[in-house]
Amino acid sequence: MQKLKQKISGCFRSTRGAEEFAVIRSYLSTLHKQSFDLYQALVLTFKGQPPMPRLA
């Protein structure tokens, strides 16, 4: 996942930025695997109502 971001922007500006990118990317990846609409998930997240992925 980090390679994708590095290829787009060249690098991360901080370790914290890299960690936050990994958390967001992992969350979206999980939602995608569970057939959630990613755009709708982001809209709900910014409204303070994030969809929670189903647990195994």
PDB file of N, CA and C in Angstrom:
ATOM      1  N   MET A   1       0.812  -1.187   0.000  1.00  0.00           N
ATOM      2  CA  MET A   1       0.000   0.000   0.000  1.00  0.00           C
ATOM      3  C   MET A   1       0.860   1.256   0.000  1.00  0.00           C
ATOM      4  N   GLN A   2       1.926   1.230   0.744  1.00  0.00           N
ATOM      5  CA  GLN A   2       2.761   2.422   0.802  1.00  0.00           C
ATOM      6  C   GLN A   2       3.425   2.698  -0.535  1.00  0.00           C
ATOM      7  N   LYS A   3       3.739   1.662  -1.272  1.00  0.00           N
ATOM      8  CA  LYS A   3       4.356   1.868  -2.583  1.00  0.00           C
ATOM      9  C   LYS A   3       3.413   2.625  -3.512  1.00  0.00           C
ATOM     10  N   LEU A   4       2.122   2.339  -3.437  1.00  0.00           N
ATOM     11  CA  LEU A   4       1.142   3.054  -4.256  1.00  0.00           C
ATOM     12  C   LEU A   4       1.224   4.549  -3.982  1.00  0.00           C
ATOM     13  N   LYS A   5       1.198   4.938  -2.723  1.00  0.00           N
ATOM     14  CA  LYS A   5       1.258   6.350  -2.356  1.00  0.00           C
ATOM     15  C   LYS A   5       2.593   6.950  -2.773  1.00  0.00           C
ATOM     16  N   GLN A   6       3.682   6.224  -2.596  1.00  0.00           N
ATOM     17  CA  GLN A   6       4.999   6.731  -2.975  1.00  0.00           C
ATOM     18  C   GLN A   6       5.086   6.943  -4.479  1.00  0.00           C
ATOM     19  N   LYS A   7       4.469   6.067  -5.242  1.00  0.00           N
ATOM     20  CA  LYS A   7       4.501   6.221  -6.694  1.00  0.00           C
ATOM     21  C   LYS A   7       3.721   7.453  -7.137  1.00  0.00           C
ATOM     22  N   ILE A   8       2.658   7.781  -6.407  1.00  0.00           N
ATOM     23  CA  ILE A   8       1.836   8.934  -6.769  1.00  0.00           C
ATOM     24  C   ILE A   8       2.521  10.240  -6.393  1.00  0.00           C
ATOM     25  N   SER A   9       2.973  10.353  -5.145  1.00  0.00           N
ATOM     26  CA  SER A   9       3.511  11.631  -4.673  1.00  0.00           C
ATOM     27  C   SER A   9       5.023  11.641  -4.511  1.00  0.00           C
ATOM     28  N   GLY A  10       5.652  10.498  -4.579  1.00  0.00           N
ATOM     29  CA  GLY A  10       7.101  10.442  -4.430  1.00  0.00           C
ATOM     30  C   GLY A  10       7.551  10.018  -3.052  1.00  0.00           C
ATOM     31  N   CYS A  11       6.817  10.424  -2.001  1.00  0.00           N
ATOM     32  CA  CYS A  11       7.195  10.043  -0.642  1.00  0.00           C
ATOM     33  C   CYS A  11       6.117  10.481   0.338  1.00  0.00           C
ATOM     34  N   PHE A  12       6.269  10.032   1.577  1.00  0.00           N
ATOM     35  CA  PHE A  12       5.432  10.523   2.663  1.00  0.00           C
ATOM     36  C   PHE A  12       6.177  11.658   3.334  1.00  0.00           C
ATOM     37  N   ARG A  13       5.463  12.636   3.838  1.00  0.00           N
ATOM     38  CA  ARG A  13       6.114  13.774   4.493  1.00  0.00           C
ATOM     39  C   ARG A  13       6.489  13.466   5.929  1.00  0.00           C
ATOM     40  N   SER A  14       5.811  12.489   6.532  1.00  0.00           N
ATOM     41  CA  SER A  14       6.113  12.141   7.920  1.00  0.00           C
ATOM     42  C   SER A  14       5.726  10.690   8.177  1.00  0.00           C
ATOM     43  N   THR A  15       6.238  10.162   9.272  1.00  0.00           N
ATOM     44  CA  THR A  15       5.873   8.811   9.678  1.00  0.00           C
ATOM     45  C   THR A  15       4.391   8.762  10.035  1.00  0.00           C
ATOM     46  N   ARG A  16       3.920   9.803  10.698  1.00  0.00           N
ATOM     47  CA  ARG A  16       2.501   9.858  11.069  1.00  0.00           C
ATOM     48  C   ARG A  16       1.612   9.842   9.826  1.00  0.00           C
ATOM     49  N   GLY A  17       2.007  10.583   8.805  1.00  0.00           N
ATOM     50  CA  GLY A  17       1.244  10.596   7.563  1.00  0.00           C
ATOM     51  C   GLY A  17       1.179   9.220   6.923  1.00  0.00           C
ATOM     52  N   ALA A  18       2.297   8.497   6.969  1.00  0.00           N
ATOM     53  CA  ALA A  18       2.339   7.143   6.414  1.00  0.00           C
ATOM     54  C   ALA A  18       1.422   6.215   7.200  1.00  0.00           C
ATOM     55  N   GLU A  19       1.435   6.353   8.526  1.00  0.00           N
ATOM     56  CA  GLU A  19       0.587   5.507   9.366  1.00  0.00           C
ATOM     57  C   GLU A  19      -0.893   5.807   9.140  1.00  0.00           C
ATOM     58  N   GLU A  20      -1.245   7.080   9.044  1.00  0.00           N
ATOM     59  CA  GLU A  20      -2.642   7.446   8.814  1.00  0.00           C
ATOM     60  C   GLU A  20      -3.116   6.980   7.443  1.00  0.00           C
ATOM     61  N   PHE A  21      -2.252   7.081   6.445  1.00  0.00           N
ATOM     62  CA  PHE A  21      -2.586   6.586   5.109  1.00  0.00           C
ATOM     63  C   PHE A  21      -2.875   5.089   5.164  1.00  0.00           C
ATOM     64  N   ALA A  22      -2.040   4.339   5.900  1.00  0.00           N
ATOM     65  CA  ALA A  22      -2.211   2.893   5.993  1.00  0.00           C
ATOM     66  C   ALA A  22      -3.533   2.532   6.672  1.00  0.00           C
ATOM     67  N   VAL A  23      -3.909   3.271   7.712  1.00  0.00           N
ATOM     68  CA  VAL A  23      -5.165   2.999   8.420  1.00  0.00           C
ATOM     69  C   VAL A  23      -6.363   3.253   7.503  1.00  0.00           C
ATOM     70  N   ILE A  24      -6.358   4.388   6.825  1.00  0.00           N
ATOM     71  CA  ILE A  24      -7.470   4.732   5.928  1.00  0.00           C
ATOM     72  C   ILE A  24      -7.558   3.739   4.778  1.00  0.00           C
ATOM     73  N   ARG A  25      -6.422   3.412   4.201  1.00  0.00           N
ATOM     74  CA  ARG A  25      -6.384   2.478   3.072  1.00  0.00           C
ATOM     75  C   ARG A  25      -6.876   1.090   3.491  1.00  0.00           C
ATOM     76  N   SER A  26      -6.487   0.653   4.684  1.00  0.00           N
ATOM     77  CA  SER A  26      -6.916  -0.646   5.191  1.00  0.00           C
ATOM     78  C   SER A  26      -8.428  -0.674   5.417  1.00  0.00           C
ATOM     79  N   TYR A  27      -8.962   0.399   5.993  1.00  0.00           N
ATOM     80  CA  TYR A  27     -10.403   0.516   6.245  1.00  0.00           C
ATOM     81  C   TYR A  27     -11.178   0.437   4.933  1.00  0.00           C
ATOM     82  N   LEU A  28     -10.743   1.211   3.935  1.00  0.00           N
ATOM     83  CA  LEU A  28     -11.423   1.207   2.637  1.00  0.00           C
ATOM     84  C   LEU A  28     -11.284  -0.137   1.932  1.00  0.00           C
ATOM     85  N   SER A  29     -10.138  -0.769   2.074  1.00  0.00           N
ATOM     86  CA  SER A  29      -9.926  -2.080   1.466  1.00  0.00           C
ATOM     87  C   SER A  29     -10.890  -3.110   2.059  1.00  0.00           C
ATOM     88  N   THR A  30     -11.056  -3.066   3.384  1.00  0.00           N
ATOM     89  CA  THR A  30     -11.974  -3.987   4.048  1.00  0.00           C
ATOM     90  C   THR A  30     -13.407  -3.747   3.592  1.00  0.00           C
ATOM     91  N   LEU A  31     -13.812  -2.477   3.529  1.00  0.00           N
ATOM     92  CA  LEU A  31     -15.168  -2.165   3.066  1.00  0.00           C
ATOM     93  C   LEU A  31     -15.376  -2.639   1.629  1.00  0.00           C
ATOM     94  N   HIS A  32     -14.379  -2.454   0.778  1.00  0.00           N
ATOM     95  CA  HIS A  32     -14.477  -2.883  -0.619  1.00  0.00           C
ATOM     96  C   HIS A  32     -14.656  -4.401  -0.710  1.00  0.00           C
ATOM     97  N   LYS A  33     -13.900  -5.141   0.089  1.00  0.00           N
ATOM     98  CA  LYS A  33     -14.004  -6.601   0.079  1.00  0.00           C
ATOM     99  C   LYS A  33     -15.384  -7.066   0.523  1.00  0.00           C
ATOM    100  N   GLN A  34     -16.060  -6.238   1.330  1.00  0.00           N
ATOM    101  CA  GLN A  34     -17.386  -6.590   1.824  1.00  0.00           C
ATOM    102  C   GLN A  34     -18.496  -5.934   0.995  1.00  0.00           C
ATOM    103  N   SER A  35     -18.144  -5.467  -0.196  1.00  0.00           N
ATOM    104  CA  SER A  35     -19.088  -4.912  -1.179  1.00  0.00           C
ATOM    105  C   SER A  35     -19.801  -3.637  -0.726  1.00  0.00           C
ATOM    106  N   PHE A  36     -19.140  -2.834   0.095  1.00  0.00           N
ATOM    107  CA  PHE A  36     -19.685  -1.528   0.452  1.00  0.00           C
ATOM    108  C   PHE A  36     -19.405  -0.557  -0.687  1.00  0.00           C
ATOM    109  N   ASP A  37     -20.268   0.444  -0.849  1.00  0.00           N
ATOM    110  CA  ASP A  37     -20.023   1.532  -1.789  1.00  0.00           C
ATOM    111  C   ASP A  37     -19.027   2.483  -1.120  1.00  0.00           C
ATOM    112  N   LEU A  38     -17.810   2.578  -1.647  1.00  0.00           N
ATOM    113  CA  LEU A  38     -16.754   3.348  -0.993  1.00  0.00           C
ATOM    114  C   LEU A  38     -17.066   4.836  -0.937  1.00  0.00           C
ATOM    115  N   TYR A  39     -17.679   5.369  -1.977  1.00  0.00           N
ATOM    116  CA  TYR A  39     -18.040   6.791  -1.959  1.00  0.00           C
ATOM    117  C   TYR A  39     -19.031   7.066  -0.838  1.00  0.00           C
ATOM    118  N   GLN A  40     -20.050   6.221  -0.741  1.00  0.00           N
ATOM    119  CA  GLN A  40     -21.059   6.387   0.307  1.00  0.00           C
ATOM    120  C   GLN A  40     -20.420   6.212   1.681  1.00  0.00           C
ATOM    121  N   ALA A  41     -19.481   5.292   1.809  1.00  0.00           N
ATOM    122  CA  ALA A  41     -18.794   5.082   3.086  1.00  0.00           C
ATOM    123  C   ALA A  41     -18.027   6.333   3.496  1.00  0.00           C
ATOM    124  N   LEU A  42     -17.364   6.976   2.546  1.00  0.00           N
ATOM    125  CA  LEU A  42     -16.629   8.206   2.857  1.00  0.00           C
ATOM    126  C   LEU A  42     -17.580   9.337   3.239  1.00  0.00           C
ATOM    127  N   VAL A  43     -18.691   9.453   2.528  1.00  0.00           N
ATOM    128  CA  VAL A  43     -19.677  10.493   2.850  1.00  0.00           C
ATOM    129  C   VAL A  43     -20.188  10.296   4.276  1.00  0.00           C
ATOM    130  N   LEU A  44     -20.559   9.068   4.618  1.00  0.00           N
ATOM    131  CA  LEU A  44     -21.054   8.786   5.964  1.00  0.00           C
ATOM    132  C   LEU A  44     -19.984   9.033   7.021  1.00  0.00           C
ATOM    133  N   THR A  45     -18.745   8.693   6.703  1.00  0.00           N
ATOM    134  CA  THR A  45     -17.648   8.901   7.644  1.00  0.00           C
ATOM    135  C   THR A  45     -17.471  10.376   7.946  1.00  0.00           C
ATOM    136  N   PHE A  46     -17.510  11.216   6.921  1.00  0.00           N
ATOM    137  CA  PHE A  46     -17.351  12.652   7.142  1.00  0.00           C
ATOM    138  C   PHE A  46     -18.562  13.263   7.844  1.00  0.00           C
ATOM    139  N   LYS A  47     -19.701  12.583   7.787  1.00  0.00           N
ATOM    140  CA  LYS A  47     -20.886  13.039   8.520  1.00  0.00           C
ATOM    141  C   LYS A  47     -20.864  12.556   9.969  1.00  0.00           C
ATOM    142  N   GLY A  48     -19.866  11.744  10.312  1.00  0.00           N
ATOM    143  CA  GLY A  48     -19.758  11.228  11.674  1.00  0.00           C
ATOM    144  C   GLY A  48     -20.504   9.931  11.908  1.00  0.00           C
ATOM    145  N   GLN A  49     -20.882   9.240  10.830  1.00  0.00           N
ATOM    146  CA  GLN A  49     -21.615   7.976  10.923  1.00  0.00           C
ATOM    147  C   GLN A  49     -20.914   6.903  10.087  1.00  0.00           C
ATOM    148  N   PRO A  50     -19.669   6.576  10.415  1.00  0.00           N
ATOM    149  CA  PRO A  50     -18.928   5.638   9.565  1.00  0.00           C
ATOM    150  C   PRO A  50     -19.535   4.234   9.580  1.00  0.00           C
ATOM    151  N   PRO A  51     -19.642   3.615   8.415  1.00  0.00           N
ATOM    152  CA  PRO A  51     -20.120   2.231   8.382  1.00  0.00           C
ATOM    153  C   PRO A  51     -19.056   1.322   8.987  1.00  0.00           C
ATOM    154  N   MET A  52     -19.496   0.369   9.749  1.00  0.00           N
ATOM    155  CA  MET A  52     -18.555  -0.547  10.372  1.00  0.00           C
ATOM    156  C   MET A  52     -18.501  -1.843   9.569  1.00  0.00           C
ATOM    157  N   PRO A  53     -17.300  -2.295   9.223  1.00  0.00           N
ATOM    158  CA  PRO A  53     -17.178  -3.563   8.499  1.00  0.00           C
ATOM    159  C   PRO A  53     -17.708  -4.716   9.356  1.00  0.00           C
ATOM    160  N   ARG A  54     -18.249  -5.710   8.696  1.00  0.00           N
ATOM    161  CA  ARG A  54     -18.729  -6.887   9.412  1.00  0.00           C
ATOM    162  C   ARG A  54     -17.536  -7.660   9.960  1.00  0.00           C
ATOM    163  N   LEU A  55     -17.683  -8.180  11.160  1.00  0.00           N
ATOM    164  CA  LEU A  55     -16.624  -8.977  11.766  1.00  0.00           C
ATOM    165  C   LEU A  55     -16.806 -10.434  11.386  1.00  0.00           C
ATOM    166  N   ALA A  56     -15.706 -11.143  11.318  1.00  0.00           N
ATOM    167  CA  ALA A  56     -15.747 -12.549  10.915  1.00  0.00           C
ATOM    168  C   ALA A  56     -16.411 -13.419  11.943  1.00  0.00           C
TER     169      ALA A  56
END
